[in-house]
Amino acid sequence: MHSKHIQHLYWRACFGILPKQQYAIQNYSRKEVVVELLKSTRKVKPIKIDLSHYDGVSFMQFKNDKNLRKNLAAINREKIRKLNTAWINSLMNNGDLTERMTLFWANHFSCEDSSPVYMQQFINVLRKHALGDFGDFIRAVSKSAAMIRYLNNNQNKKSSPNENFARELLELFTLGIGHYSENDIKECARAFTGHGHNFEGKFFFRAYQHDYGVKFFLGRSGGFDGNDIIDIILKEKQCARFICEKIYCYFVNQNLVKEHINQMVEVFYGNYNIAKLMRFVFMSNWFYDNNNIGTKIKSPIDLLAGIYKTIPVEFEDEKDIFKIQYLLGQVLLKPPNVAGWEGGSSWIDVNTIMVRLRLPSLLLNHAQIPYKAKGDFNDAFRDYYTKKNKNKLPFKVKASWDYFFKSYGHYSNTTLRDNLINSRLSEGTRQYLDSLSKVSQRDFCVQLMSIPEYQMC
């Protein structure tokens, strides 16, 4: 398999690949490489943080004690940051297809909640089902406490149906706009009446609040409940098409090719096996087309994970991981809305490009950065970097250059360039990199990560 294709596969599926790993499989066929990629995807481990502040707290205590609720709310805000950090650390330290797929689904099933208990459960639902059966996945998401609260399905009762979850289930999670009617939304909401959860986040069905009447949904009729609705949705080929389009947009190219999507739908529809679909995508000739290589703008999380894969960094204060996400415009567990992050060119604007280009030198050269609101980044970097004001909250990291030299030390700068940069270099950038032939490998690495082409994968 061509080295450029191996790099493309691993950048899209696993946040990059180290030279030693690449050379170990460079003589493999495409099938062997893809099988190795899927085989190396480890058994999913749940993310767990310390949630002992809820030990011994009952629902009635929580309901009746105002001071308790206030104290828990303050702790919860810190625990959400801890959960964010735990997820980031798992993503950066493992960086396999499971982590990539979890990140993808987190933006598909966009969700936010103030409870670290419910959000930890939700993340682990994403991790468990990321490469499994999409039908089981939808059912698990629909019954998760975080999603039930986020889309107000806990307020969905027979006497007053709430349509928020039903609308997003059809519009954002399964079918897409234009493939259902307003009446389908109403009938779907009726089917999901009675869904709830207990204080610990465990799903329960409130039978006395469920509408047992006949529903008319997508041309079918019956006394449907939520599971029935999901079964009906899965029988619609449009559901498979909608998911395939989302996966193609994320892993291949934002410009959809109908022929490719049709091929994916034939593989996915009916069985809804996510791992099987991803194997087909990674095996397809069109995945490795030059038009798809190095053309995707890295998300902030992609950027952080890619840097970490090359040179692991340890933050002096783990809260700084949260700050960096804010500066770059993507904070995990805090999506902008129910539709998630738009992605693509939206990742880069006048407020983030300077930080993105300077991030490698900030992380790897013990530099500091002023932590301000995003709108304050219009000044030249040097100006805002040297200003002294009360808003300056520097972050410091320890970069593991020993790890870098162990991985790259016996390779040339050209090999380093080819490993880290998978997009086409402009003539100006190529000349600039050629002028750095005498700099140290360490400095060359930082410069590579600071060029515009490193923003692409």
Protein backbone atom coordinates (compact mmCIF):
# COMPACT_ATOMS: atom_id res chain seq x y z
CA MET A 1 0.00 0.00 0.00
CA HIS A 2 1.37 3.42 -0.92
CA SER A 3 2.81 5.30 2.06
CA LYS A 4 0.72 8.39 1.27
CA HIS A 5 -2.40 6.27 1.38
CA ILE A 6 -1.42 4.72 4.70
CA GLN A 7 -0.91 8.19 6.16
CA HIS A 8 -4.23 9.35 4.74
CA LEU A 9 -6.03 6.39 6.28
CA TYR A 10 -4.46 6.86 9.68
CA TRP A 11 -4.91 10.63 9.76
CA ARG A 12 -8.60 10.24 9.05
CA ALA A 13 -9.14 7.19 11.25
CA CYS A 14 -6.60 7.51 14.07
CA PHE A 15 -5.15 11.07 14.27
CA GLY A 16 -1.93 10.10 12.47
CA ILE A 17 0.66 7.33 12.46
CA LEU A 18 4.23 7.05 13.75
CA PRO A 19 7.02 6.07 11.30
CA LYS A 20 7.78 2.79 13.08
CA GLN A 21 4.16 1.70 12.76
CA GLN A 22 3.99 2.84 9.16
CA TYR A 23 7.15 1.00 8.11
CA ALA A 24 5.85 -2.16 9.79
CA ILE A 25 2.86 -2.26 7.44
CA GLN A 26 4.20 -0.49 4.34
CA ASN A 27 4.42 -3.75 2.37
CA TYR A 28 0.93 -4.84 3.34
CA SER A 29 -1.91 -4.87 0.85
CA ARG A 30 -4.74 -2.41 1.41
CA LYS A 31 -6.91 -5.19 2.81
CA GLU A 32 -4.20 -6.20 5.26
CA VAL A 33 -3.69 -2.60 6.40
CA VAL A 34 -7.40 -2.04 6.96
CA VAL A 35 -7.76 -5.37 8.77
CA GLU A 36 -4.81 -4.38 10.98
CA LEU A 37 -6.41 -1.01 11.67
CA LEU A 38 -9.71 -2.59 12.72
CA LYS A 39 -7.98 -5.36 14.66
CA SER A 40 -5.88 -2.88 16.63
CA THR A 41 -9.00 -1.08 17.79
CA ARG A 42 -8.96 -2.01 21.44
CA LYS A 43 -11.78 -3.25 23.60
CA VAL A 44 -13.77 -0.22 24.70
CA LYS A 45 -13.06 0.94 28.22
CA PRO A 46 -15.57 3.22 29.93
CA ILE A 47 -14.41 6.67 30.99
CA LYS A 48 -14.74 7.09 34.74
CA ILE A 49 -14.09 10.03 37.02
CA ASP A 50 -14.60 10.41 40.77
CA LEU A 51 -18.29 11.09 41.36
CA SER A 52 -18.29 10.26 45.06
CA HIS A 53 -19.81 13.65 45.90
CA TYR A 54 -23.14 11.99 45.07
CA ASP A 55 -22.59 9.11 47.50
CA GLY A 56 -25.48 8.88 49.96
CA VAL A 57 -27.48 11.62 48.21
CA SER A 58 -31.08 10.62 47.54
CA PHE A 59 -33.55 12.24 45.19
CA MET A 60 -35.67 13.52 48.09
CA GLN A 61 -32.62 15.11 49.74
CA PHE A 62 -31.69 16.74 46.45
CA LYS A 63 -35.24 17.96 45.92
CA ASN A 64 -35.80 19.39 49.40
CA ASP A 65 -32.35 20.77 50.34
CA LYS A 66 -31.59 24.02 48.51
CA ASN A 67 -28.08 24.30 49.97
CA LEU A 68 -27.28 20.75 48.90
CA ARG A 69 -28.35 21.52 45.34
CA LYS A 70 -26.21 24.65 45.34
CA ASN A 71 -23.14 22.80 46.63
CA LEU A 72 -23.59 19.96 44.15
CA ALA A 73 -23.98 22.42 41.27
CA ALA A 74 -20.63 24.04 42.12
CA ILE A 75 -18.90 20.64 42.31
CA ASN A 76 -20.62 19.51 39.11
CA ARG A 77 -19.10 22.36 37.11
CA GLU A 78 -15.64 21.24 38.15
CA LYS A 79 -16.50 17.58 37.50
CA ILE A 80 -17.68 18.38 33.97
CA ARG A 81 -14.21 19.85 33.34
CA LYS A 82 -12.68 16.71 34.85
CA LEU A 83 -14.81 14.59 32.53
CA ASN A 84 -13.75 16.71 29.57
CA THR A 85 -10.10 16.23 30.51
CA ALA A 86 -10.52 12.47 31.02
CA TRP A 87 -12.05 12.16 27.55
CA ILE A 88 -9.33 14.30 25.95
CA ASN A 89 -6.63 12.25 27.67
CA SER A 90 -8.18 8.98 26.50
CA LEU A 91 -8.44 10.34 22.98
CA MET A 92 -4.85 11.60 22.88
CA ASN A 93 -3.27 8.60 24.60
CA ASN A 94 -5.13 5.96 22.59
CA GLY A 95 -6.06 7.71 19.35
CA ASP A 96 -7.51 4.62 17.66
CA LEU A 97 -10.62 4.19 15.52
CA THR A 98 -12.85 3.82 18.59
CA GLU A 99 -11.81 7.27 19.77
CA ARG A 100 -12.27 8.73 16.30
CA MET A 101 -15.73 7.22 15.94
CA THR A 102 -16.73 8.38 19.42
CA LEU A 103 -15.72 11.90 18.46
CA PHE A 104 -17.76 11.64 15.27
CA TRP A 105 -20.88 10.37 17.04
CA ALA A 106 -20.57 12.99 19.77
CA ASN A 107 -21.15 15.60 17.09
CA HIS A 108 -23.93 13.58 15.45
CA PHE A 109 -25.78 12.97 18.72
CA SER A 110 -25.01 16.43 20.05
CA CYS A 111 -25.85 16.64 23.76
CA GLU A 112 -25.04 18.67 26.85
CA ASP A 113 -26.03 18.42 30.50
CA SER A 114 -24.87 19.95 33.78
CA SER A 115 -24.76 16.56 35.51
CA PRO A 116 -21.38 14.81 35.25
CA VAL A 117 -23.15 11.57 36.19
CA TYR A 118 -25.45 11.72 33.17
CA MET A 119 -22.77 13.00 30.81
CA GLN A 120 -20.34 10.26 31.83
CA GLN A 121 -23.06 7.72 31.09
CA PHE A 122 -23.72 9.39 27.73
CA ILE A 123 -20.05 9.39 26.67
CA ASN A 124 -19.82 5.72 27.51
CA VAL A 125 -22.93 4.98 25.43
CA LEU A 126 -21.15 6.61 22.49
CA ARG A 127 -17.97 4.62 23.14
CA LYS A 128 -19.80 1.30 23.55
CA HIS A 129 -21.81 1.60 20.33
CA ALA A 130 -19.39 3.62 18.17
CA LEU A 131 -18.62 0.65 15.88
CA GLY A 132 -21.62 -1.51 16.67
CA ASP A 133 -25.21 -1.81 15.51
CA PHE A 134 -26.77 1.56 14.64
CA GLY A 135 -30.25 0.42 15.69
CA ASP A 136 -29.02 -0.53 19.17
CA PHE A 137 -27.12 2.75 19.22
CA ILE A 138 -30.23 4.85 18.55
CA ARG A 139 -32.19 3.01 21.22
CA ALA A 140 -29.43 3.50 23.80
CA VAL A 141 -29.15 7.21 23.00
CA SER A 142 -32.92 7.68 23.22
CA LYS A 143 -32.91 6.15 26.71
CA SER A 144 -29.88 8.01 28.07
CA ALA A 145 -30.63 10.45 30.88
CA ALA A 146 -28.52 13.23 29.34
CA MET A 147 -30.39 13.10 26.00
CA ILE A 148 -33.77 12.74 27.66
CA ARG A 149 -33.08 15.94 29.61
CA TYR A 150 -31.34 17.79 26.76
CA LEU A 151 -34.28 17.38 24.39
CA ASN A 152 -36.99 17.58 27.06
CA ASN A 153 -38.27 14.06 26.59
CA ASN A 154 -38.74 13.85 30.36
CA GLN A 155 -41.51 16.41 29.80
CA ASN A 156 -43.14 14.33 27.06
CA LYS A 157 -46.44 13.15 28.51
CA LYS A 158 -49.71 11.86 27.11
CA SER A 159 -51.56 14.94 28.33
CA SER A 160 -49.04 17.37 26.76
CA PRO A 161 -46.64 15.81 24.23
CA ASN A 162 -43.26 17.53 23.86
CA GLU A 163 -41.92 17.31 20.30
CA ASN A 164 -38.28 18.33 20.84
CA PHE A 165 -36.79 14.85 20.88
CA ALA A 166 -39.04 13.57 18.10
CA ARG A 167 -38.07 16.46 15.83
CA GLU A 168 -34.33 16.01 16.35
CA LEU A 169 -34.58 12.22 16.09
CA LEU A 170 -35.95 12.62 12.58
CA GLU A 171 -34.12 15.76 11.46
CA LEU A 172 -30.63 15.31 12.91
CA PHE A 173 -30.23 11.69 13.99
CA THR A 174 -31.84 9.50 11.33
CA LEU A 175 -33.61 10.88 8.26
CA GLY A 176 -32.72 14.51 7.60
CA ILE A 177 -34.90 17.46 6.68
CA GLY A 178 -37.56 16.85 4.06
CA HIS A 179 -38.07 13.15 4.66
CA TYR A 180 -40.92 13.34 7.16
CA SER A 181 -43.97 15.50 7.80
CA GLU A 182 -44.97 17.68 10.73
CA ASN A 183 -47.60 15.09 11.53
CA ASP A 184 -44.88 12.41 11.66
CA ILE A 185 -43.16 14.51 14.33
CA LYS A 186 -46.35 14.75 16.38
CA GLU A 187 -47.02 11.02 16.13
CA CYS A 188 -43.39 10.23 16.93
CA ALA A 189 -43.61 12.39 20.05
CA ARG A 190 -46.73 10.51 21.14
CA ALA A 191 -44.86 7.22 20.79
CA PHE A 192 -42.05 8.42 23.06
CA THR A 193 -44.34 9.64 25.83
CA GLY A 194 -43.52 8.18 29.23
CA HIS A 195 -39.74 8.06 28.80
CA GLY A 196 -37.87 9.06 31.93
CA HIS A 197 -34.96 8.24 34.22
CA ASN A 198 -34.31 8.01 37.92
CA PHE A 199 -31.97 10.15 40.00
CA GLU A 200 -29.02 7.88 39.20
CA GLY A 201 -29.65 8.22 35.46
CA LYS A 202 -31.17 4.79 34.84
CA PHE A 203 -33.93 4.74 32.23
CA PHE A 204 -37.45 3.86 33.28
CA PHE A 205 -40.75 3.81 31.44
CA ARG A 206 -43.61 5.75 33.06
CA ALA A 207 -46.50 3.65 31.78
CA TYR A 208 -49.16 5.97 33.21
CA GLN A 209 -47.81 8.86 31.08
CA HIS A 210 -47.59 6.92 27.82
CA ASP A 211 -50.06 7.40 24.98
CA TYR A 212 -51.26 3.92 24.01
CA GLY A 213 -53.45 5.17 21.18
CA VAL A 214 -52.97 4.42 17.49
CA LYS A 215 -50.27 6.50 15.77
CA PHE A 216 -49.84 7.20 12.07
CA PHE A 217 -46.13 7.41 11.31
CA LEU A 218 -44.31 7.33 7.96
CA GLY A 219 -47.26 5.67 6.26
CA ARG A 220 -47.78 3.04 8.95
CA SER A 221 -50.28 2.80 11.77
CA GLY A 222 -50.35 1.04 15.13
CA GLY A 223 -50.08 1.49 18.86
CA PHE A 224 -46.40 2.34 18.51
CA ASP A 225 -43.94 3.02 21.31
CA GLY A 226 -40.42 4.44 20.98
CA ASN A 227 -38.84 1.11 19.99
CA ASP A 228 -41.46 0.61 17.29
CA ILE A 229 -40.74 4.08 15.90
CA ILE A 230 -37.02 3.32 15.68
CA ASP A 231 -37.77 0.02 13.91
CA ILE A 232 -39.89 1.87 11.35
CA ILE A 233 -37.20 4.50 10.81
CA LEU A 234 -34.56 1.82 10.22
CA LYS A 235 -36.71 0.29 7.49
CA GLU A 236 -36.47 3.57 5.59
CA LYS A 237 -33.50 3.44 3.21
CA GLN A 238 -33.20 7.19 3.70
CA CYS A 239 -31.96 6.51 7.24
CA ALA A 240 -29.00 4.52 5.91
CA ARG A 241 -28.40 7.19 3.27
CA PHE A 242 -28.46 10.01 5.82
CA ILE A 243 -25.88 8.29 8.06
CA CYS A 244 -23.70 7.36 5.09
CA GLU A 245 -23.71 10.97 3.92
CA LYS A 246 -22.65 12.15 7.38
CA ILE A 247 -19.84 9.58 7.53
CA TYR A 248 -18.69 10.42 3.99
CA CYS A 249 -18.67 14.12 4.81
CA TYR A 250 -16.59 13.54 7.95
CA PHE A 251 -14.17 10.84 6.78
CA VAL A 252 -13.92 11.42 3.03
CA ASN A 253 -14.99 14.81 1.68
CA GLN A 254 -17.63 17.45 2.31
CA ASN A 255 -18.45 17.32 -1.41
CA LEU A 256 -20.71 14.28 -1.63
CA VAL A 257 -20.43 11.94 -4.62
CA LYS A 258 -23.76 10.21 -5.23
CA GLU A 259 -22.20 7.07 -6.68
CA HIS A 260 -20.03 6.59 -3.60
CA ILE A 261 -22.93 7.22 -1.24
CA ASN A 262 -25.06 4.68 -3.09
CA GLN A 263 -22.35 2.06 -2.64
CA MET A 264 -22.16 2.80 1.08
CA VAL A 265 -25.94 2.58 1.47
CA GLU A 266 -25.99 -0.89 -0.11
CA VAL A 267 -23.44 -2.03 2.47
CA PHE A 268 -25.11 -0.35 5.46
CA TYR A 269 -28.84 -0.70 4.87
CA GLY A 270 -30.52 -3.63 6.56
CA ASN A 271 -27.72 -4.77 8.86
CA TYR A 272 -26.70 -1.26 10.05
CA ASN A 273 -23.28 -2.57 11.07
CA ILE A 274 -21.07 0.49 11.59
CA ALA A 275 -17.76 -1.42 11.62
CA LYS A 276 -18.68 -3.14 8.35
CA LEU A 277 -19.49 0.24 6.78
CA MET A 278 -16.18 1.77 7.89
CA ARG A 279 -14.28 -1.21 6.53
CA PHE A 280 -15.97 -0.69 3.16
CA VAL A 281 -15.11 3.03 3.15
CA PHE A 282 -11.47 2.39 4.01
CA MET A 283 -11.22 -0.33 1.37
CA SER A 284 -12.74 1.76 -1.43
CA ASN A 285 -10.52 3.17 -4.18
CA TRP A 286 -12.28 6.52 -4.03
CA PHE A 287 -11.31 7.01 -0.37
CA TYR A 288 -7.70 7.35 -1.56
CA ASP A 289 -8.45 9.67 -4.47
CA ASN A 290 -6.10 12.67 -4.58
CA ASN A 291 -9.11 14.97 -4.24
CA ASN A 292 -9.71 13.51 -0.78
CA ILE A 293 -6.16 13.50 0.58
CA GLY A 294 -5.04 16.44 2.68
CA THR A 295 -8.21 18.40 1.94
CA LYS A 296 -9.96 18.30 5.32
CA ILE A 297 -9.41 21.07 7.86
CA LYS A 298 -8.52 19.55 11.19
CA SER A 299 -10.91 20.21 14.01
CA PRO A 300 -9.33 21.69 17.16
CA ILE A 301 -9.43 18.24 18.76
CA ASP A 302 -7.78 16.72 15.67
CA LEU A 303 -5.07 19.36 15.92
CA LEU A 304 -4.40 18.69 19.60
CA ALA A 305 -4.45 14.91 19.15
CA GLY A 306 -2.08 15.08 16.17
CA ILE A 307 0.44 17.19 18.07
CA TYR A 308 0.20 14.89 21.07
CA LYS A 309 0.71 11.77 18.95
CA THR A 310 4.04 13.20 17.77
CA ILE A 311 5.20 14.83 21.01
CA PRO A 312 3.17 13.93 24.11
CA VAL A 313 2.67 16.88 26.43
CA GLU A 314 1.83 17.03 30.11
CA PHE A 315 -0.10 20.06 31.35
CA GLU A 316 0.98 21.62 34.62
CA ASP A 317 -2.64 22.53 35.26
CA GLU A 318 -5.17 20.21 33.61
CA LYS A 319 -7.68 23.08 33.43
CA ASP A 320 -5.51 24.49 30.65
CA ILE A 321 -6.69 21.69 28.35
CA PHE A 322 -10.15 23.15 28.74
CA LYS A 323 -8.87 26.68 28.06
CA ILE A 324 -7.14 25.63 24.84
CA GLN A 325 -10.33 24.03 23.56
CA TYR A 326 -12.16 27.28 24.25
CA LEU A 327 -9.54 29.34 22.44
CA LEU A 328 -9.70 27.05 19.40
CA GLY A 329 -13.49 26.94 19.30
CA GLN A 330 -14.34 23.34 20.24
CA VAL A 331 -15.00 22.37 23.85
CA LEU A 332 -15.99 18.73 24.23
CA LEU A 333 -19.23 18.26 26.19
CA LYS A 334 -20.26 21.82 25.27
CA PRO A 335 -21.57 21.74 21.69
CA PRO A 336 -22.82 25.06 20.25
CA ASN A 337 -26.33 23.68 19.72
CA VAL A 338 -28.25 20.47 19.03
CA ALA A 339 -26.84 20.37 15.48
CA GLY A 340 -23.27 20.24 16.82
CA TRP A 341 -20.22 21.85 15.25
CA GLU A 342 -20.47 22.71 11.57
CA GLY A 343 -16.88 21.67 10.85
CA GLY A 344 -14.96 22.37 7.65
CA SER A 345 -14.01 25.99 7.01
CA SER A 346 -15.95 27.09 10.12
CA TRP A 347 -13.04 25.89 12.25
CA ILE A 348 -10.86 28.74 11.00
CA ASP A 349 -11.62 32.44 11.28
CA VAL A 350 -9.73 35.63 12.13
CA ASN A 351 -10.05 34.80 15.82
CA THR A 352 -8.66 31.27 15.73
CA ILE A 353 -6.15 31.05 12.88
CA MET A 354 -3.41 32.84 14.80
CA VAL A 355 -3.78 30.57 17.80
CA ARG A 356 -3.84 27.46 15.60
CA LEU A 357 -0.66 28.42 13.78
CA ARG A 358 1.15 29.32 17.00
CA LEU A 359 -0.15 26.46 19.12
CA PRO A 360 2.79 24.09 18.43
CA SER A 361 5.38 26.64 19.54
CA LEU A 362 3.25 27.53 22.56
CA LEU A 363 2.94 23.91 23.64
CA LEU A 364 6.40 22.68 22.72
CA ASN A 365 8.61 25.65 23.59
CA HIS A 366 7.34 26.35 27.12
CA ALA A 367 5.64 29.49 25.90
CA GLN A 368 2.68 31.26 27.44
CA ILE A 369 -0.47 32.55 25.87
CA PRO A 370 -2.87 35.21 27.15
CA TYR A 371 -6.25 33.66 27.74
CA LYS A 372 -8.87 36.13 26.52
CA ALA A 373 -12.24 36.08 24.89
CA LYS A 374 -12.04 34.90 21.31
CA GLY A 375 -12.95 38.32 19.98
CA ASP A 376 -9.76 39.80 21.40
CA PHE A 377 -7.48 37.91 19.03
CA ASN A 378 -7.43 40.54 16.31
CA ASP A 379 -4.12 42.05 17.42
CA ALA A 380 -0.86 40.78 15.99
CA PHE A 381 0.26 37.70 17.91
CA ARG A 382 3.42 39.32 19.21
CA ASP A 383 1.45 42.28 20.53
CA TYR A 384 -1.07 40.30 22.49
CA TYR A 385 1.56 37.79 23.57
CA THR A 386 3.71 40.43 25.26
CA LYS A 387 0.93 42.53 26.77
CA LYS A 388 0.71 42.43 30.54
CA ASN A 389 -2.79 42.66 31.88
CA LYS A 390 -5.01 41.08 34.42
CA ASN A 391 -6.63 38.80 31.83
CA LYS A 392 -3.38 37.00 31.16
CA LEU A 393 -3.75 33.38 32.30
CA PRO A 394 -0.74 31.47 30.94
CA PHE A 395 -0.65 27.72 30.54
CA LYS A 396 2.50 25.66 30.80
CA VAL A 397 3.28 22.18 29.58
CA LYS A 398 6.09 19.68 29.66
CA ALA A 399 6.81 18.29 26.21
CA SER A 400 8.19 14.75 25.97
CA TRP A 401 10.97 15.35 23.45
CA ASP A 402 12.61 12.09 24.54
CA TYR A 403 9.57 10.29 23.15
CA PHE A 404 9.84 12.29 19.94
CA PHE A 405 13.51 11.47 19.40
CA LYS A 406 12.86 7.82 20.17
CA SER A 407 10.17 7.81 17.46
CA TYR A 408 11.79 10.11 14.89
CA GLY A 409 15.43 10.62 15.89
CA HIS A 410 16.95 8.28 13.32
CA TYR A 411 14.81 9.61 10.46
CA SER A 412 15.61 12.57 8.23
CA ASN A 413 13.76 15.87 8.27
CA THR A 414 12.34 14.93 4.88
CA THR A 415 10.82 11.77 6.36
CA LEU A 416 9.51 13.82 9.24
CA ARG A 417 7.91 16.24 6.79
CA ASP A 418 6.32 13.46 4.77
CA ASN A 419 4.98 11.82 7.92
CA LEU A 420 3.40 14.93 9.42
CA ILE A 421 2.18 16.71 6.29
CA ASN A 422 -0.30 14.91 4.08
CA SER A 423 -1.61 17.87 2.08
CA ARG A 424 -0.03 19.32 -1.04
CA LEU A 425 2.68 21.87 -0.18
CA SER A 426 2.59 25.25 -1.86
CA GLU A 427 5.78 26.29 -3.65
CA GLY A 428 6.36 29.02 -1.09
CA THR A 429 6.03 26.60 1.82
CA ARG A 430 8.30 24.08 0.12
CA GLN A 431 11.00 26.71 -0.38
CA TYR A 432 10.62 27.81 3.24
CA LEU A 433 11.03 24.25 4.53
CA ASP A 434 14.05 23.73 2.25
CA SER A 435 15.64 26.80 3.85
CA LEU A 436 15.43 25.03 7.23
CA SER A 437 17.74 22.20 6.20
CA LYS A 438 20.31 23.10 8.85
CA VAL A 439 17.99 23.58 11.82
CA SER A 440 17.66 20.93 14.50
CA GLN A 441 15.08 18.19 14.10
CA ARG A 442 13.25 19.57 17.11
CA ASP A 443 12.95 23.06 15.65
CA PHE A 444 12.06 21.64 12.25
CA CYS A 445 9.21 19.67 13.82
CA VAL A 446 7.79 22.78 15.49
CA GLN A 447 8.04 24.70 12.22
CA LEU A 448 6.30 21.89 10.33
CA MET A 449 3.40 21.97 12.76
CA SER A 450 3.19 25.75 12.38
CA ILE A 451 2.67 25.90 8.61
CA PRO A 452 -0.83 26.20 7.12
CA GLU A 453 -0.59 22.77 5.50
CA TYR A 454 -0.43 21.13 8.94
CA GLN A 455 -3.95 22.42 9.52
CA MET A 456 -5.12 19.93 6.89
CA CYS A 457 -5.41 16.15 6.93
